[in-house]
């Protein structure tokens, strides 16, 4: 249906179809928050190989990033297998 409105912006289509109300639902808010948390975790895990190269221990990294030590170990193992 959206392809029928090629000159309208995303916001205009959302308003026309009443999609603005979806943003106010609990499901939408929970999904948005979950996405933020996943993104934050991914960002932290990307840092692990870099700080390992700087000489920090797995324990120090886990403490600094406020992550479970096992999660950091898995990220470290994955980064060493990718190299």
Protein backbone atom coordinates (compact mmCIF):
# COMPACT_ATOMS: atom_id res chain seq x y z
CA UNK A 1 0.00 0.00 0.00
CA UNK A 2 2.82 2.41 0.85
CA UNK A 3 4.29 2.12 -2.65
CA UNK A 4 1.15 3.88 -3.92
CA UNK A 5 2.25 7.08 -2.17
CA UNK A 6 5.74 7.67 -3.56
CA UNK A 7 5.71 11.43 -2.95
CA UNK A 8 4.62 11.25 0.68
CA UNK A 9 7.10 11.17 3.52
CA UNK A 10 7.17 8.36 6.04
CA UNK A 11 5.63 10.70 8.61
CA UNK A 12 2.78 11.64 6.28
CA UNK A 13 1.95 7.99 5.55
CA UNK A 14 2.11 7.11 9.25
CA UNK A 15 -0.27 9.94 10.09
CA UNK A 16 -2.64 9.08 7.26
CA UNK A 17 -2.80 5.42 8.30
CA UNK A 18 -2.98 6.19 12.01
CA UNK A 19 0.34 4.57 12.79
CA UNK A 20 1.30 7.31 15.25
CA UNK A 21 -0.83 5.60 17.89
CA UNK A 22 1.33 2.47 17.68
CA UNK A 23 4.25 4.37 19.20
CA UNK A 24 2.24 4.92 22.35
CA UNK A 25 1.53 1.24 22.93
CA UNK A 26 3.30 -0.75 25.59
CA UNK A 27 4.43 -3.37 23.05
CA UNK A 28 6.11 -0.73 20.90
CA UNK A 29 7.81 0.90 23.91
CA UNK A 30 9.06 -2.47 25.21
CA UNK A 31 10.38 -3.46 21.80
CA UNK A 32 12.13 -0.12 21.44
CA UNK A 33 13.76 -0.47 24.86
CA UNK A 34 14.82 -4.03 24.09
CA UNK A 35 16.43 -2.85 20.87
CA UNK A 36 18.34 -0.16 22.74
CA UNK A 37 19.64 -2.68 25.27
CA UNK A 38 20.74 -5.09 22.53
CA UNK A 39 22.50 -2.28 20.71
CA UNK A 40 24.25 -1.19 23.89
CA UNK A 41 25.45 -4.75 24.56
CA UNK A 42 26.71 -5.12 20.99
CA UNK A 43 28.69 -1.91 21.39
CA UNK A 44 30.28 -3.12 24.59
CA UNK A 45 31.18 -6.47 23.03
CA UNK A 46 32.87 -4.74 20.08
CA UNK A 47 35.23 -3.05 22.55
CA UNK A 48 36.41 -6.30 24.16
CA UNK A 49 39.06 -7.26 21.55
CA UNK A 50 40.49 -3.74 21.56
CA UNK A 51 40.96 -3.54 25.30
CA UNK A 52 42.35 -7.07 25.41
CA UNK A 53 45.08 -5.86 23.05
CA UNK A 54 45.81 -3.06 25.52
CA UNK A 55 46.58 -5.68 28.14
CA UNK A 56 43.49 -5.60 30.32
CA UNK A 57 42.35 -8.89 31.79
CA UNK A 58 38.98 -10.45 31.10
CA UNK A 59 38.03 -9.72 34.70
CA UNK A 60 38.99 -6.05 34.40
CA UNK A 61 37.02 -5.71 31.18
CA UNK A 62 33.95 -7.37 32.69
CA UNK A 63 34.09 -5.02 35.66
CA UNK A 64 34.67 -1.88 33.57
CA UNK A 65 31.90 -2.69 31.09
CA UNK A 66 29.54 -4.04 33.76
CA UNK A 67 29.23 -7.37 31.96
CA UNK A 68 29.16 -10.93 33.16
CA UNK A 69 32.65 -12.39 32.99
CA UNK A 70 31.45 -15.33 30.91
CA UNK A 71 30.02 -12.96 28.28
CA UNK A 72 33.40 -11.23 28.05
CA UNK A 73 35.19 -14.59 27.77
CA UNK A 74 32.91 -15.60 24.91
CA UNK A 75 33.53 -12.29 23.13
CA UNK A 76 37.27 -12.71 23.63
CA UNK A 77 37.18 -16.28 22.29
CA UNK A 78 35.14 -15.19 19.30
CA UNK A 79 37.52 -12.36 18.49
CA UNK A 80 40.55 -14.64 18.66
CA UNK A 81 38.87 -17.20 16.38
CA UNK A 82 37.95 -14.45 13.88
CA UNK A 83 41.57 -13.30 13.61
